[in-house]
Amino acid sequence: MFSKEEAKELRKLFWHKLENRTRRLPGQKGRKIKWIFDDTGIKGLDLRFDINRERAIVALEINHRSEERRLRLYEKLEACKSIIESEFENELNWDFIYSKEEGRDVCRIYDELSPADMYRQDQWPEVMKFMIDRMIRMEKAFMEVKDFLLHDEIG
């Protein structure tokens, strides 16, 4: 096991190495990728990296405070399921109630790599390759359906 400080330093190192790895992707010319993340243009809809001791996740997350809004966006995404999943070689996980570790419920569409342990540096190359590849796919899938999601949007 790690001390709190050692675990914090390993997490920091992991995210730093992931950022640096994006600089080596074709077409990046040493610049880091500017991921969409929470700049999707749709309130309460974000793209997320998530990793813990069991698995790594790349997700499209609907975290709007309004349950009605979350479920409406989720239904619109479900209507686009075939378009979204066409970017992936396997089916994604579709969770209209995903409980985050802090106890907050969100809707999530995600792909996961399991097992994956953030604290095992020997797994980092495979985990980072997975996360970068899946985020590129998730962003592309999102951009394919973004206009549909924006149409008739409620506040």
N, C-alpha and C. Protein backbone atom coordinates (compact mmCIF):
# COMPACT_ATOMS: atom_id res chain seq x y z
N MET A 1 0.83 -1.19 0.00
CA MET A 1 0.00 0.00 0.00
C MET A 1 0.88 1.26 0.00
N PHE A 2 0.26 2.33 -0.37
CA PHE A 2 0.96 3.60 -0.44
C PHE A 2 0.46 4.53 0.65
N SER A 3 1.33 5.43 1.07
CA SER A 3 0.88 6.48 1.97
C SER A 3 0.01 7.44 1.16
N LYS A 4 -0.72 8.30 1.84
CA LYS A 4 -1.56 9.28 1.15
C LYS A 4 -0.73 10.14 0.21
N GLU A 5 0.43 10.56 0.69
CA GLU A 5 1.30 11.42 -0.11
C GLU A 5 1.85 10.67 -1.33
N GLU A 6 2.25 9.40 -1.14
CA GLU A 6 2.75 8.60 -2.27
C GLU A 6 1.67 8.38 -3.31
N ALA A 7 0.45 8.09 -2.86
CA ALA A 7 -0.67 7.89 -3.78
C ALA A 7 -0.96 9.18 -4.55
N LYS A 8 -0.92 10.31 -3.85
CA LYS A 8 -1.15 11.61 -4.51
C LYS A 8 -0.10 11.86 -5.58
N GLU A 9 1.16 11.59 -5.26
CA GLU A 9 2.24 11.80 -6.22
C GLU A 9 2.11 10.87 -7.43
N LEU A 10 1.70 9.62 -7.20
CA LEU A 10 1.51 8.69 -8.32
C LEU A 10 0.37 9.15 -9.23
N ARG A 11 -0.73 9.62 -8.63
CA ARG A 11 -1.85 10.13 -9.45
C ARG A 11 -1.39 11.33 -10.28
N LYS A 12 -0.67 12.23 -9.65
CA LYS A 12 -0.16 13.41 -10.35
C LYS A 12 0.77 13.00 -11.51
N LEU A 13 1.65 12.05 -11.25
CA LEU A 13 2.57 11.56 -12.27
C LEU A 13 1.81 10.89 -13.43
N PHE A 14 0.79 10.10 -13.09
CA PHE A 14 -0.01 9.44 -14.13
C PHE A 14 -0.61 10.47 -15.08
N TRP A 15 -1.30 11.49 -14.54
CA TRP A 15 -1.95 12.48 -15.39
C TRP A 15 -0.94 13.31 -16.17
N HIS A 16 0.21 13.58 -15.58
CA HIS A 16 1.28 14.30 -16.28
C HIS A 16 1.79 13.46 -17.46
N LYS A 17 2.02 12.19 -17.23
CA LYS A 17 2.51 11.32 -18.31
C LYS A 17 1.46 11.15 -19.41
N LEU A 18 0.19 11.07 -19.02
CA LEU A 18 -0.87 10.97 -20.03
C LEU A 18 -0.88 12.22 -20.90
N GLU A 19 -0.77 13.38 -20.29
CA GLU A 19 -0.73 14.64 -21.04
C GLU A 19 0.47 14.66 -21.98
N ASN A 20 1.63 14.26 -21.47
CA ASN A 20 2.83 14.23 -22.31
C ASN A 20 2.70 13.25 -23.46
N ARG A 21 2.04 12.14 -23.22
CA ARG A 21 1.88 11.13 -24.27
C ARG A 21 1.04 11.67 -25.43
N THR A 22 0.10 12.57 -25.15
CA THR A 22 -0.72 13.13 -26.23
C THR A 22 0.10 14.02 -27.16
N ARG A 23 1.24 14.49 -26.68
CA ARG A 23 2.11 15.33 -27.51
C ARG A 23 2.82 14.53 -28.61
N ARG A 24 2.84 13.22 -28.45
CA ARG A 24 3.54 12.37 -29.41
C ARG A 24 2.61 11.74 -30.44
N LEU A 25 1.36 12.14 -30.44
CA LEU A 25 0.42 11.59 -31.41
C LEU A 25 0.65 12.22 -32.78
N PRO A 26 0.39 11.47 -33.84
CA PRO A 26 0.55 12.03 -35.18
C PRO A 26 -0.26 13.31 -35.35
N GLY A 27 0.38 14.30 -35.94
CA GLY A 27 -0.28 15.57 -36.20
C GLY A 27 -0.24 16.56 -35.06
N GLN A 28 0.27 16.16 -33.91
CA GLN A 28 0.29 17.06 -32.76
C GLN A 28 1.53 17.95 -32.73
N LYS A 29 2.60 17.55 -33.41
CA LYS A 29 3.83 18.35 -33.50
C LYS A 29 4.29 18.85 -32.13
N GLY A 30 4.23 17.96 -31.13
CA GLY A 30 4.70 18.31 -29.80
C GLY A 30 3.71 19.08 -28.94
N ARG A 31 2.54 19.39 -29.49
CA ARG A 31 1.52 20.09 -28.70
C ARG A 31 0.61 19.06 -28.05
N LYS A 32 0.13 19.37 -26.86
CA LYS A 32 -0.82 18.46 -26.23
C LYS A 32 -2.18 18.60 -26.91
N ILE A 33 -2.94 17.53 -26.88
CA ILE A 33 -4.28 17.56 -27.45
C ILE A 33 -5.16 18.46 -26.60
N LYS A 34 -5.98 19.26 -27.23
CA LYS A 34 -6.97 20.07 -26.52
C LYS A 34 -8.26 19.26 -26.50
N TRP A 35 -8.44 18.47 -25.43
CA TRP A 35 -9.64 17.64 -25.30
C TRP A 35 -10.87 18.52 -25.08
N ILE A 36 -12.02 18.05 -25.48
CA ILE A 36 -13.27 18.78 -25.28
C ILE A 36 -13.63 18.84 -23.79
N PHE A 37 -13.58 17.74 -23.10
CA PHE A 37 -13.93 17.59 -21.69
C PHE A 37 -15.24 18.30 -21.35
N ASP A 38 -15.20 19.39 -20.57
CA ASP A 38 -16.43 20.05 -20.17
C ASP A 38 -16.77 21.24 -21.05
N ASP A 39 -16.10 21.36 -22.18
CA ASP A 39 -16.37 22.44 -23.13
C ASP A 39 -17.15 21.90 -24.33
N THR A 40 -18.21 21.13 -24.04
CA THR A 40 -18.98 20.50 -25.11
C THR A 40 -19.97 21.45 -25.76
N GLY A 41 -20.26 22.57 -25.08
CA GLY A 41 -21.27 23.48 -25.60
C GLY A 41 -22.67 23.09 -25.15
N ILE A 42 -22.77 22.03 -24.35
CA ILE A 42 -24.06 21.57 -23.84
C ILE A 42 -23.95 21.51 -22.32
N LYS A 43 -24.72 22.35 -21.65
CA LYS A 43 -24.66 22.42 -20.19
C LYS A 43 -24.98 21.06 -19.57
N GLY A 44 -24.09 20.62 -18.68
CA GLY A 44 -24.32 19.37 -17.97
C GLY A 44 -23.91 18.13 -18.73
N LEU A 45 -23.20 18.29 -19.86
CA LEU A 45 -22.72 17.14 -20.63
C LEU A 45 -21.21 17.31 -20.81
N ASP A 46 -20.45 16.35 -20.27
CA ASP A 46 -19.00 16.42 -20.30
C ASP A 46 -18.42 15.10 -20.80
N LEU A 47 -17.17 15.16 -21.24
CA LEU A 47 -16.42 13.95 -21.55
C LEU A 47 -15.38 13.78 -20.45
N ARG A 48 -15.20 12.56 -20.00
CA ARG A 48 -14.38 12.31 -18.82
C ARG A 48 -13.42 11.14 -18.99
N PHE A 49 -12.24 11.31 -18.40
CA PHE A 49 -11.33 10.21 -18.12
C PHE A 49 -11.58 9.84 -16.66
N ASP A 50 -11.53 8.56 -16.33
CA ASP A 50 -11.69 8.12 -14.96
C ASP A 50 -10.86 6.86 -14.77
N ILE A 51 -10.09 6.80 -13.71
CA ILE A 51 -9.31 5.60 -13.43
C ILE A 51 -9.21 5.44 -11.92
N ASN A 52 -9.24 4.18 -11.49
CA ASN A 52 -9.08 3.89 -10.07
C ASN A 52 -8.25 2.61 -9.92
N ARG A 53 -8.47 1.84 -8.89
CA ARG A 53 -7.70 0.63 -8.64
C ARG A 53 -8.21 -0.56 -9.44
N GLU A 54 -9.43 -0.45 -10.02
CA GLU A 54 -10.02 -1.58 -10.74
C GLU A 54 -10.11 -1.41 -12.26
N ARG A 55 -10.36 -0.17 -12.71
CA ARG A 55 -10.63 0.02 -14.13
C ARG A 55 -10.35 1.44 -14.59
N ALA A 56 -10.18 1.56 -15.89
CA ALA A 56 -10.04 2.87 -16.54
C ALA A 56 -11.29 3.07 -17.39
N ILE A 57 -11.81 4.28 -17.37
CA ILE A 57 -13.05 4.59 -18.08
C ILE A 57 -12.87 5.86 -18.91
N VAL A 58 -13.44 5.82 -20.11
CA VAL A 58 -13.61 7.03 -20.93
C VAL A 58 -15.12 7.16 -21.11
N ALA A 59 -15.66 8.31 -20.71
CA ALA A 59 -17.12 8.44 -20.65
C ALA A 59 -17.62 9.75 -21.22
N LEU A 60 -18.83 9.66 -21.73
CA LEU A 60 -19.65 10.83 -22.01
C LEU A 60 -20.62 10.86 -20.84
N GLU A 61 -20.55 11.92 -20.05
CA GLU A 61 -21.29 11.97 -18.79
C GLU A 61 -22.29 13.10 -18.80
N ILE A 62 -23.52 12.79 -18.40
CA ILE A 62 -24.55 13.81 -18.25
C ILE A 62 -24.73 14.02 -16.75
N ASN A 63 -24.30 15.20 -16.30
CA ASN A 63 -24.29 15.46 -14.86
C ASN A 63 -25.11 16.69 -14.48
N HIS A 64 -26.07 17.05 -15.32
CA HIS A 64 -26.92 18.21 -15.04
C HIS A 64 -27.65 17.99 -13.72
N ARG A 65 -27.83 19.06 -12.95
CA ARG A 65 -28.51 18.95 -11.65
C ARG A 65 -29.94 18.46 -11.78
N SER A 66 -30.59 18.88 -12.86
CA SER A 66 -31.99 18.50 -13.08
C SER A 66 -32.07 17.07 -13.60
N GLU A 67 -32.76 16.22 -12.85
CA GLU A 67 -32.92 14.83 -13.29
C GLU A 67 -33.67 14.78 -14.62
N GLU A 68 -34.68 15.63 -14.78
CA GLU A 68 -35.44 15.67 -16.03
C GLU A 68 -34.52 15.99 -17.21
N ARG A 69 -33.64 16.94 -17.02
CA ARG A 69 -32.69 17.34 -18.08
C ARG A 69 -31.72 16.20 -18.39
N ARG A 70 -31.21 15.56 -17.33
CA ARG A 70 -30.28 14.44 -17.52
C ARG A 70 -30.94 13.34 -18.34
N LEU A 71 -32.14 12.96 -17.94
CA LEU A 71 -32.81 11.86 -18.63
C LEU A 71 -33.20 12.22 -20.06
N ARG A 72 -33.57 13.48 -20.28
CA ARG A 72 -33.91 13.91 -21.65
C ARG A 72 -32.67 13.84 -22.56
N LEU A 73 -31.54 14.32 -22.06
CA LEU A 73 -30.31 14.23 -22.86
C LEU A 73 -29.92 12.77 -23.09
N TYR A 74 -30.07 11.95 -22.07
CA TYR A 74 -29.75 10.53 -22.20
C TYR A 74 -30.62 9.87 -23.27
N GLU A 75 -31.92 10.18 -23.27
CA GLU A 75 -32.82 9.62 -24.28
C GLU A 75 -32.42 10.07 -25.68
N LYS A 76 -32.01 11.32 -25.82
CA LYS A 76 -31.57 11.80 -27.14
C LYS A 76 -30.30 11.07 -27.57
N LEU A 77 -29.39 10.82 -26.62
CA LEU A 77 -28.17 10.06 -26.94
C LEU A 77 -28.52 8.63 -27.31
N GLU A 78 -29.46 8.03 -26.60
CA GLU A 78 -29.89 6.67 -26.91
C GLU A 78 -30.45 6.57 -28.32
N ALA A 79 -31.13 7.62 -28.76
CA ALA A 79 -31.67 7.65 -30.13
C ALA A 79 -30.54 7.64 -31.15
N CYS A 80 -29.35 8.05 -30.74
CA CYS A 80 -28.18 8.10 -31.62
C CYS A 80 -27.22 6.94 -31.35
N LYS A 81 -27.66 5.94 -30.64
CA LYS A 81 -26.79 4.86 -30.19
C LYS A 81 -25.97 4.24 -31.32
N SER A 82 -26.60 3.94 -32.43
CA SER A 82 -25.87 3.28 -33.53
C SER A 82 -24.79 4.20 -34.11
N ILE A 83 -25.06 5.49 -34.17
CA ILE A 83 -24.06 6.45 -34.66
C ILE A 83 -22.89 6.53 -33.70
N ILE A 84 -23.20 6.63 -32.42
CA ILE A 84 -22.15 6.74 -31.40
C ILE A 84 -21.30 5.48 -31.37
N GLU A 85 -21.94 4.33 -31.33
CA GLU A 85 -21.19 3.07 -31.21
C GLU A 85 -20.45 2.70 -32.48
N SER A 86 -20.79 3.33 -33.60
CA SER A 86 -20.08 3.01 -34.85
C SER A 86 -18.61 3.43 -34.78
N GLU A 87 -18.27 4.31 -33.85
CA GLU A 87 -16.88 4.74 -33.66
C GLU A 87 -16.06 3.73 -32.86
N PHE A 88 -16.74 2.76 -32.26
CA PHE A 88 -16.09 1.78 -31.39
C PHE A 88 -16.23 0.39 -31.98
N GLU A 89 -15.26 -0.49 -31.66
CA GLU A 89 -15.37 -1.85 -32.18
C GLU A 89 -16.28 -2.72 -31.33
N ASN A 90 -16.60 -2.28 -30.14
CA ASN A 90 -17.50 -3.04 -29.27
C ASN A 90 -18.60 -2.12 -28.77
N GLU A 91 -19.62 -2.73 -28.16
CA GLU A 91 -20.71 -1.93 -27.61
C GLU A 91 -20.22 -1.17 -26.39
N LEU A 92 -20.79 -0.01 -26.20
CA LEU A 92 -20.48 0.80 -25.02
C LEU A 92 -21.41 0.42 -23.88
N ASN A 93 -21.07 0.84 -22.69
CA ASN A 93 -21.93 0.68 -21.52
C ASN A 93 -22.83 1.89 -21.45
N TRP A 94 -24.13 1.66 -21.34
CA TRP A 94 -25.12 2.74 -21.28
C TRP A 94 -25.79 2.67 -19.92
N ASP A 95 -25.51 3.63 -19.06
CA ASP A 95 -26.04 3.67 -17.70
C ASP A 95 -26.83 4.94 -17.48
N PHE A 96 -28.17 4.81 -17.35
CA PHE A 96 -28.93 6.03 -17.12
C PHE A 96 -28.90 6.43 -15.64
N ILE A 97 -28.45 5.53 -14.76
CA ILE A 97 -28.16 5.90 -13.38
C ILE A 97 -26.82 5.28 -13.02
N TYR A 98 -25.79 6.11 -13.05
CA TYR A 98 -24.43 5.70 -12.69
C TYR A 98 -24.08 6.44 -11.41
N SER A 99 -23.83 5.70 -10.34
CA SER A 99 -23.49 6.32 -9.05
C SER A 99 -21.98 6.51 -8.96
N LYS A 100 -21.58 7.76 -8.89
CA LYS A 100 -20.16 8.07 -8.77
C LYS A 100 -19.70 7.80 -7.34
N GLU A 101 -18.38 7.69 -7.16
CA GLU A 101 -17.82 7.37 -5.85
C GLU A 101 -18.27 8.35 -4.77
N GLU A 102 -18.45 9.62 -5.13
CA GLU A 102 -18.87 10.60 -4.13
C GLU A 102 -20.37 10.55 -3.86
N GLY A 103 -21.08 9.59 -4.48
CA GLY A 103 -22.49 9.38 -4.21
C GLY A 103 -23.45 10.12 -5.11
N ARG A 104 -22.95 10.87 -6.07
CA ARG A 104 -23.80 11.63 -6.99
C ARG A 104 -24.21 10.75 -8.17
N ASP A 105 -25.49 10.82 -8.55
CA ASP A 105 -25.96 10.06 -9.71
C ASP A 105 -25.85 10.89 -10.97
N VAL A 106 -25.35 10.26 -12.03
CA VAL A 106 -25.23 10.86 -13.35
C VAL A 106 -25.67 9.82 -14.37
N CYS A 107 -25.80 10.24 -15.61
CA CYS A 107 -25.98 9.30 -16.71
C CYS A 107 -24.63 9.18 -17.39
N ARG A 108 -24.27 7.97 -17.79
CA ARG A 108 -22.96 7.77 -18.43
C ARG A 108 -23.05 6.80 -19.58
N ILE A 109 -22.32 7.14 -20.62
CA ILE A 109 -22.07 6.24 -21.74
C ILE A 109 -20.56 6.08 -21.73
N TYR A 110 -20.08 4.86 -21.60
CA TYR A 110 -18.64 4.71 -21.41
C TYR A 110 -18.09 3.39 -21.94
N ASP A 111 -16.78 3.41 -22.10
CA ASP A 111 -16.01 2.22 -22.42
C ASP A 111 -15.01 2.06 -21.30
N GLU A 112 -14.72 0.81 -20.95
CA GLU A 112 -13.81 0.59 -19.83
C GLU A 112 -12.77 -0.46 -20.13
N LEU A 113 -11.65 -0.30 -19.50
CA LEU A 113 -10.57 -1.27 -19.53
C LEU A 113 -10.46 -1.84 -18.12
N SER A 114 -10.65 -3.15 -18.02
CA SER A 114 -10.61 -3.78 -16.71
C SER A 114 -9.92 -5.14 -16.84
N PRO A 115 -9.01 -5.46 -15.97
CA PRO A 115 -8.54 -4.66 -14.86
C PRO A 115 -7.56 -3.59 -15.31
N ALA A 116 -7.55 -2.51 -14.55
CA ALA A 116 -6.59 -1.42 -14.76
C ALA A 116 -6.42 -0.74 -13.41
N ASP A 117 -5.20 -0.61 -12.98
CA ASP A 117 -4.91 -0.04 -11.67
C ASP A 117 -4.00 1.17 -11.83
N MET A 118 -4.50 2.33 -11.46
CA MET A 118 -3.73 3.56 -11.59
C MET A 118 -2.39 3.49 -10.86
N TYR A 119 -2.31 2.70 -9.83
CA TYR A 119 -1.09 2.66 -9.01
C TYR A 119 -0.09 1.61 -9.47
N ARG A 120 -0.37 0.94 -10.58
CA ARG A 120 0.59 -0.03 -11.14
C ARG A 120 1.20 0.57 -12.40
N GLN A 121 2.39 1.13 -12.24
CA GLN A 121 3.04 1.84 -13.34
C GLN A 121 3.32 0.92 -14.52
N ASP A 122 3.45 -0.37 -14.29
CA ASP A 122 3.68 -1.29 -15.40
C ASP A 122 2.46 -1.36 -16.33
N GLN A 123 1.28 -0.97 -15.85
CA GLN A 123 0.06 -0.97 -16.68
C GLN A 123 -0.15 0.35 -17.42
N TRP A 124 0.58 1.37 -17.04
CA TRP A 124 0.33 2.69 -17.61
C TRP A 124 0.38 2.75 -19.13
N PRO A 125 1.36 2.16 -19.80
CA PRO A 125 1.36 2.27 -21.27
C PRO A 125 0.06 1.75 -21.90
N GLU A 126 -0.40 0.59 -21.46
CA GLU A 126 -1.64 0.02 -22.01
C GLU A 126 -2.85 0.87 -21.64
N VAL A 127 -2.91 1.32 -20.40
CA VAL A 127 -4.02 2.14 -19.93
C VAL A 127 -4.07 3.46 -20.70
N MET A 128 -2.93 4.10 -20.86
CA MET A 128 -2.89 5.39 -21.57
C MET A 128 -3.25 5.23 -23.04
N LYS A 129 -2.78 4.17 -23.65
CA LYS A 129 -3.15 3.91 -25.04
C LYS A 129 -4.66 3.76 -25.16
N PHE A 130 -5.26 2.98 -24.25
CA PHE A 130 -6.71 2.80 -24.23
C PHE A 130 -7.42 4.14 -24.06
N MET A 131 -7.01 4.91 -23.06
CA MET A 131 -7.70 6.17 -22.74
C MET A 131 -7.62 7.17 -23.89
N ILE A 132 -6.47 7.30 -24.49
CA ILE A 132 -6.32 8.25 -25.60
C ILE A 132 -7.14 7.80 -26.81
N ASP A 133 -7.03 6.53 -27.16
CA ASP A 133 -7.77 6.00 -28.31
C ASP A 133 -9.27 6.17 -28.11
N ARG A 134 -9.76 5.80 -26.93
CA ARG A 134 -11.21 5.87 -26.69
C ARG A 134 -11.71 7.30 -26.59
N MET A 135 -10.88 8.22 -26.06
CA MET A 135 -11.33 9.61 -25.99
C MET A 135 -11.40 10.22 -27.39
N ILE A 136 -10.46 9.89 -28.24
CA ILE A 136 -10.52 10.37 -29.63
C ILE A 136 -11.81 9.88 -30.28
N ARG A 137 -12.13 8.61 -30.07
CA ARG A 137 -13.37 8.04 -30.63
C ARG A 137 -14.61 8.68 -30.02
N MET A 138 -14.58 8.88 -28.69
CA MET A 138 -15.75 9.45 -28.00
C MET A 138 -15.99 10.88 -28.47
N GLU A 139 -14.93 11.66 -28.62
CA GLU A 139 -15.10 13.02 -29.11
C GLU A 139 -15.66 13.03 -30.53
N LYS A 140 -15.16 12.15 -31.37
CA LYS A 140 -15.65 12.08 -32.74
C LYS A 140 -17.13 11.69 -32.76
N ALA A 141 -17.50 10.71 -31.96
CA ALA A 141 -18.90 10.28 -31.88
C ALA A 141 -19.78 11.43 -31.37
N PHE A 142 -19.30 12.13 -30.35
CA PHE A 142 -20.06 13.25 -29.82
C PHE A 142 -20.28 14.32 -30.88
N MET A 143 -19.23 14.65 -31.62
CA MET A 143 -19.36 15.68 -32.65
C MET A 143 -20.36 15.28 -33.73
N GLU A 144 -20.49 13.99 -33.98
CA GLU A 144 -21.46 13.51 -34.97
C GLU A 144 -22.91 13.79 -34.54
N VAL A 145 -23.17 13.81 -33.24
CA VAL A 145 -24.55 13.95 -32.75
C VAL A 145 -24.81 15.28 -32.04
N LYS A 146 -23.80 16.11 -31.92
CA LYS A 146 -23.93 17.35 -31.14
C LYS A 146 -25.08 18.23 -31.63
N ASP A 147 -25.20 18.44 -32.93
CA ASP A 147 -26.27 19.30 -33.44
C ASP A 147 -27.64 18.77 -33.07
N PHE A 148 -27.80 17.45 -33.14
CA PHE A 148 -29.08 16.83 -32.74
C PHE A 148 -29.35 17.08 -31.26
N LEU A 149 -28.34 17.00 -30.44
CA LEU A 149 -28.50 17.21 -29.00
C LEU A 149 -28.84 18.67 -28.69
N LEU A 150 -28.28 19.59 -29.46
CA LEU A 150 -28.55 21.02 -29.27
C LEU A 150 -29.94 21.42 -29.73
N HIS A 151 -30.47 20.72 -30.71
CA HIS A 151 -31.79 21.04 -31.26
C HIS A 151 -32.85 20.87 -30.18
N ASP A 152 -33.67 21.90 -30.00
CA ASP A 152 -34.77 21.86 -29.05
C ASP A 152 -34.27 21.67 -27.62
N GLU A 153 -33.10 22.24 -27.32
CA GLU A 153 -32.51 22.09 -25.98
C GLU A 153 -33.29 22.90 -24.96
N ILE A 154 -33.47 22.30 -23.77
CA ILE A 154 -34.08 23.03 -22.67
C ILE A 154 -32.98 23.49 -21.72
N GLY A 155 -33.20 24.52 -20.94
CA GLY A 155 -32.19 25.13 -20.09
C GLY A 155 -31.83 24.42 -18.90
